[in-house]
């Protein structure tokens, strides 16, 4: 693997953070859709809930380390 410059590394962190925010929003929308259909007890909903919690945890870690604003 090739070495990244500091700017490349920072850009990668920014990209990752933005992707996490997009994923969080998509998962929330999917959960809302299932909830509206009365399917909030199904396996798909439970998997989305676990994914949402995981993504929120990662976003929170960015914030703890001061990489992104709260």
Protein backbone atom coordinates (compact mmCIF):
# COMPACT_ATOMS: atom_id res chain seq x y z
CA UNK A 1 0.00 0.00 0.00
CA UNK A 2 1.36 3.43 -0.87
CA UNK A 3 1.81 6.17 1.71
CA UNK A 4 -0.75 8.95 1.86
CA UNK A 5 0.13 12.58 2.26
CA UNK A 6 -1.40 14.45 5.19
CA UNK A 7 -3.80 16.21 2.81
CA UNK A 8 -4.88 12.90 1.26
CA UNK A 9 -5.43 11.44 4.72
CA UNK A 10 -7.54 14.43 5.80
CA UNK A 11 -9.54 14.22 2.58
CA UNK A 12 -10.15 10.52 3.21
CA UNK A 13 -11.42 11.25 6.74
CA UNK A 14 -13.73 13.93 5.38
CA UNK A 15 -15.05 11.55 2.70
CA UNK A 16 -15.58 8.79 5.25
CA UNK A 17 -17.45 11.14 7.60
CA UNK A 18 -19.71 12.36 4.79
CA UNK A 19 -20.39 8.76 3.70
CA UNK A 20 -21.33 7.85 7.28
CA UNK A 21 -23.79 10.75 7.42
CA UNK A 22 -25.35 9.64 4.12
CA UNK A 23 -25.59 6.04 5.33
CA UNK A 24 -27.20 7.18 8.59
CA UNK A 25 -29.82 9.18 6.69
CA UNK A 26 -30.55 6.30 4.28
CA UNK A 27 -30.94 3.79 7.10
CA UNK A 28 -33.25 6.16 9.00
CA UNK A 29 -35.38 6.63 5.87
CA UNK A 30 -35.57 2.87 5.32
CA UNK A 31 -36.58 2.38 8.97
CA UNK A 32 -39.27 5.06 8.65
CA UNK A 33 -40.64 3.35 5.53
CA UNK A 34 -40.82 -0.02 7.29
CA UNK A 35 -42.34 1.54 10.42
CA UNK A 36 -45.04 3.22 8.30
CA UNK A 37 -45.83 -0.17 6.77
CA UNK A 38 -46.15 -1.71 10.24
CA UNK A 39 -43.07 -3.86 9.78
CA UNK A 40 -41.04 -2.57 12.71
CA UNK A 41 -40.80 -6.00 14.33
CA UNK A 42 -39.34 -7.81 11.34
CA UNK A 43 -35.79 -9.00 10.81
CA UNK A 44 -35.02 -6.32 8.22
CA UNK A 45 -36.02 -3.56 10.62
CA UNK A 46 -33.91 -5.08 13.39
CA UNK A 47 -30.90 -5.31 11.06
CA UNK A 48 -31.36 -1.67 10.07
CA UNK A 49 -31.56 -0.70 13.74
CA UNK A 50 -28.25 -2.46 14.42
CA UNK A 51 -26.70 -0.75 11.38
CA UNK A 52 -28.01 2.64 12.55
CA UNK A 53 -26.46 2.17 16.00
CA UNK A 54 -23.14 1.13 14.49
CA UNK A 55 -23.03 4.14 12.16
CA UNK A 56 -24.00 6.50 14.98
CA UNK A 57 -21.20 5.07 17.09
CA UNK A 58 -18.67 5.73 14.33
CA UNK A 59 -19.93 9.28 13.82
CA UNK A 60 -19.68 9.83 17.56
CA UNK A 61 -16.06 8.71 17.56
CA UNK A 62 -15.23 11.32 14.94
CA UNK A 63 -16.80 13.91 17.23
CA UNK A 64 -15.01 12.66 20.37
CA UNK A 65 -11.64 13.05 18.65
CA UNK A 66 -12.56 16.50 17.39
CA UNK A 67 -12.38 15.51 13.74
CA UNK A 68 -15.86 16.88 13.11
CA UNK A 69 -18.00 19.37 14.98
CA UNK A 70 -20.76 18.18 17.28
